[in-house]
Amino acid sequence: MKRAILDASVILKWYLSDEEYGQKALNLLQRYIIKELNILSPSLLEYEVINGLTIAQKRGRIEEGKILTAIEGFFDLEIEMKDLSHFYPMALHYCKVYHRTIYDASYLALAETEGIPLITADEGLYRTVKSDLKWVKWIGEV
């Protein structure tokens, strides 16, 4: 089974129908469900997903009543999450080298620690690291 890190920018596409590359993200979800793909993430993912859905609701992109269903569905997936304590030195390194938040750097550090690709839909993150970190993949190319 293949393994990959998916960041919140990809996961949120599962719940927000107006997102570009939504079908590509849903294809990754389908591969996870049928056990062709194992998704791994830093533990901050659950906070980012809930925050993203809350902001989307405030902007009228998702109905308030659907947020709880989306969150429950997300937790039911039981995505494997790793605590920052396992890779924080590398995360701090990526913060410094690429001038990224600890959130972005956590995904990068976990991907490098595990030796697996990071798939992102965060264009700023991708543009910043793509020339150095070939294992960071753009959702549009997956």
Protein backbone atom coordinates (compact mmCIF):
# COMPACT_ATOMS: atom_id res chain seq x y z
CA MET A 1 0.00 0.00 0.00
CA LYS A 2 1.29 3.46 -0.87
CA ARG A 3 1.61 6.08 1.83
CA ALA A 4 1.36 9.86 1.64
CA ILE A 5 0.99 12.93 3.80
CA LEU A 6 -2.05 15.04 2.86
CA ASP A 7 -2.27 18.53 4.26
CA ALA A 8 -5.46 20.34 5.24
CA SER A 9 -5.60 22.16 1.90
CA VAL A 10 -6.26 18.78 0.26
CA ILE A 11 -8.51 17.28 2.95
CA LEU A 12 -10.82 20.32 2.99
CA LYS A 13 -11.57 19.73 -0.68
CA TRP A 14 -13.45 16.59 0.37
CA TYR A 15 -16.06 18.78 2.07
CA LEU A 16 -16.12 21.98 0.01
CA SER A 17 -17.68 21.36 -3.39
CA ASP A 18 -16.55 24.70 -4.85
CA GLU A 19 -12.85 23.90 -4.50
CA GLU A 20 -10.57 23.62 -7.53
CA TYR A 21 -9.04 20.14 -7.85
CA GLY A 22 -11.85 18.77 -5.69
CA GLN A 23 -12.16 15.63 -7.79
CA LYS A 24 -8.45 14.90 -7.49
CA ALA A 25 -8.75 15.19 -3.70
CA LEU A 26 -11.80 12.93 -3.71
CA ASN A 27 -9.85 10.38 -5.76
CA LEU A 28 -7.24 10.30 -2.98
CA LEU A 29 -10.02 9.80 -0.42
CA GLN A 30 -11.44 6.94 -2.48
CA ARG A 31 -8.00 5.31 -2.66
CA TYR A 32 -7.77 5.61 1.13
CA ILE A 33 -11.20 4.06 1.64
CA ILE A 34 -10.39 1.06 -0.56
CA LYS A 35 -7.00 0.72 1.18
CA GLU A 36 -4.84 1.58 -1.82
CA LEU A 37 -3.43 4.58 0.03
CA ASN A 38 -2.49 5.09 3.66
CA ILE A 39 -2.81 8.75 4.70
CA LEU A 40 -0.61 10.09 7.45
CA SER A 41 -0.65 13.59 8.93
CA PRO A 42 0.63 15.72 11.78
CA SER A 43 -1.90 15.85 14.61
CA LEU A 44 -2.62 19.49 13.85
CA LEU A 45 -4.68 18.32 10.86
CA GLU A 46 -7.84 17.90 12.92
CA TYR A 47 -7.65 21.51 14.12
CA GLU A 48 -6.94 22.82 10.63
CA VAL A 49 -9.86 20.90 9.12
CA ILE A 50 -12.32 22.10 11.74
CA ASN A 51 -11.04 25.67 11.46
CA GLY A 52 -11.24 25.55 7.66
CA LEU A 53 -14.82 24.29 7.76
CA THR A 54 -15.79 26.98 10.28
CA ILE A 55 -14.31 29.73 8.11
CA ALA A 56 -16.02 28.25 5.03
CA GLN A 57 -19.36 28.33 6.85
CA LYS A 58 -18.87 32.00 7.81
CA ARG A 59 -18.22 32.74 4.13
CA GLY A 60 -21.34 30.88 3.04
CA ARG A 61 -19.46 28.03 1.36
CA ILE A 62 -20.94 25.27 3.52
CA GLU A 63 -24.16 25.13 5.50
CA GLU A 64 -23.80 25.23 9.26
CA GLY A 65 -25.74 21.98 9.60
CA LYS A 66 -23.27 20.16 7.38
CA ILE A 67 -20.20 21.06 9.43
CA LEU A 68 -20.91 18.56 12.21
CA THR A 69 -21.56 15.82 9.66
CA ALA A 70 -18.32 16.68 7.86
CA ILE A 71 -16.32 16.69 11.10
CA GLU A 72 -17.81 13.40 12.27
CA GLY A 73 -17.06 11.86 8.87
CA PHE A 74 -13.51 13.15 9.03
CA PHE A 75 -12.94 11.60 12.47
CA ASP A 76 -14.59 8.34 11.35
CA LEU A 77 -11.86 8.00 8.70
CA GLU A 78 -9.32 7.49 11.49
CA ILE A 79 -6.42 9.00 9.58
CA GLU A 80 -3.14 8.19 11.29
CA MET A 81 -1.79 11.30 12.98
CA LYS A 82 1.62 11.87 14.51
CA ASP A 83 2.33 14.22 17.38
CA LEU A 84 4.80 17.05 16.77
CA SER A 85 7.08 15.68 19.49
CA HIS A 86 8.28 13.05 17.00
CA PHE A 87 9.70 15.51 14.47
CA TYR A 88 9.79 19.06 15.86
CA PRO A 89 13.55 19.65 15.27
CA MET A 90 13.07 19.11 11.55
CA ALA A 91 9.89 21.24 11.59
CA LEU A 92 11.83 24.11 13.14
CA HIS A 93 14.47 23.66 10.46
CA TYR A 94 11.86 24.03 7.71
CA CYS A 95 10.40 27.11 9.42
CA LYS A 96 13.80 28.75 9.27
CA VAL A 97 14.91 27.63 5.82
CA TYR A 98 11.65 28.31 3.96
CA HIS A 99 10.14 31.04 6.18
CA ARG A 100 7.00 28.96 6.67
CA THR A 101 4.68 28.58 9.64
CA ILE A 102 5.14 25.69 12.03
CA TYR A 103 1.92 24.32 10.52
CA ASP A 104 3.38 24.05 7.02
CA ALA A 105 6.75 22.98 8.35
CA SER A 106 5.12 20.15 10.32
CA TYR A 107 3.77 18.57 7.14
CA LEU A 108 7.17 18.91 5.48
CA ALA A 109 9.03 17.46 8.46
CA LEU A 110 6.69 14.51 8.84
CA ALA A 111 6.93 13.71 5.13
CA GLU A 112 10.72 13.75 5.25
CA THR A 113 10.84 11.77 8.50
CA GLU A 114 8.57 9.08 7.04
CA GLY A 115 10.22 9.18 3.61
CA ILE A 116 6.88 9.62 1.83
CA PRO A 117 5.40 12.33 -0.40
CA LEU A 118 3.47 15.33 0.83
CA ILE A 119 0.51 16.23 -1.36
CA THR A 120 -0.63 19.84 -1.05
CA ALA A 121 -3.04 22.28 -2.64
CA ASP A 122 -1.34 25.20 -0.88
CA GLU A 123 0.15 27.00 -3.86
CA GLY A 124 2.39 29.23 -1.73
CA LEU A 125 3.90 26.28 0.08
CA TYR A 126 4.38 24.32 -3.12
CA ARG A 127 6.04 27.21 -4.99
CA THR A 128 8.39 27.86 -2.07
CA VAL A 129 9.75 24.31 -1.79
CA LYS A 130 9.23 22.63 -5.18
CA SER A 131 12.74 23.19 -6.51
CA ASP A 132 14.39 21.70 -3.39
CA LEU A 133 11.90 19.13 -2.12
CA LYS A 134 10.91 16.89 -5.02
CA TRP A 135 8.76 14.74 -2.73
CA VAL A 136 6.30 17.62 -2.28
CA LYS A 137 3.58 17.11 -4.87
CA TRP A 138 1.02 19.56 -6.23
CA ILE A 139 -2.57 18.23 -6.11
CA GLY A 140 -3.05 19.16 -9.76
CA GLU A 141 -0.28 16.75 -10.75
CA VAL A 142 -1.46 13.77 -8.69
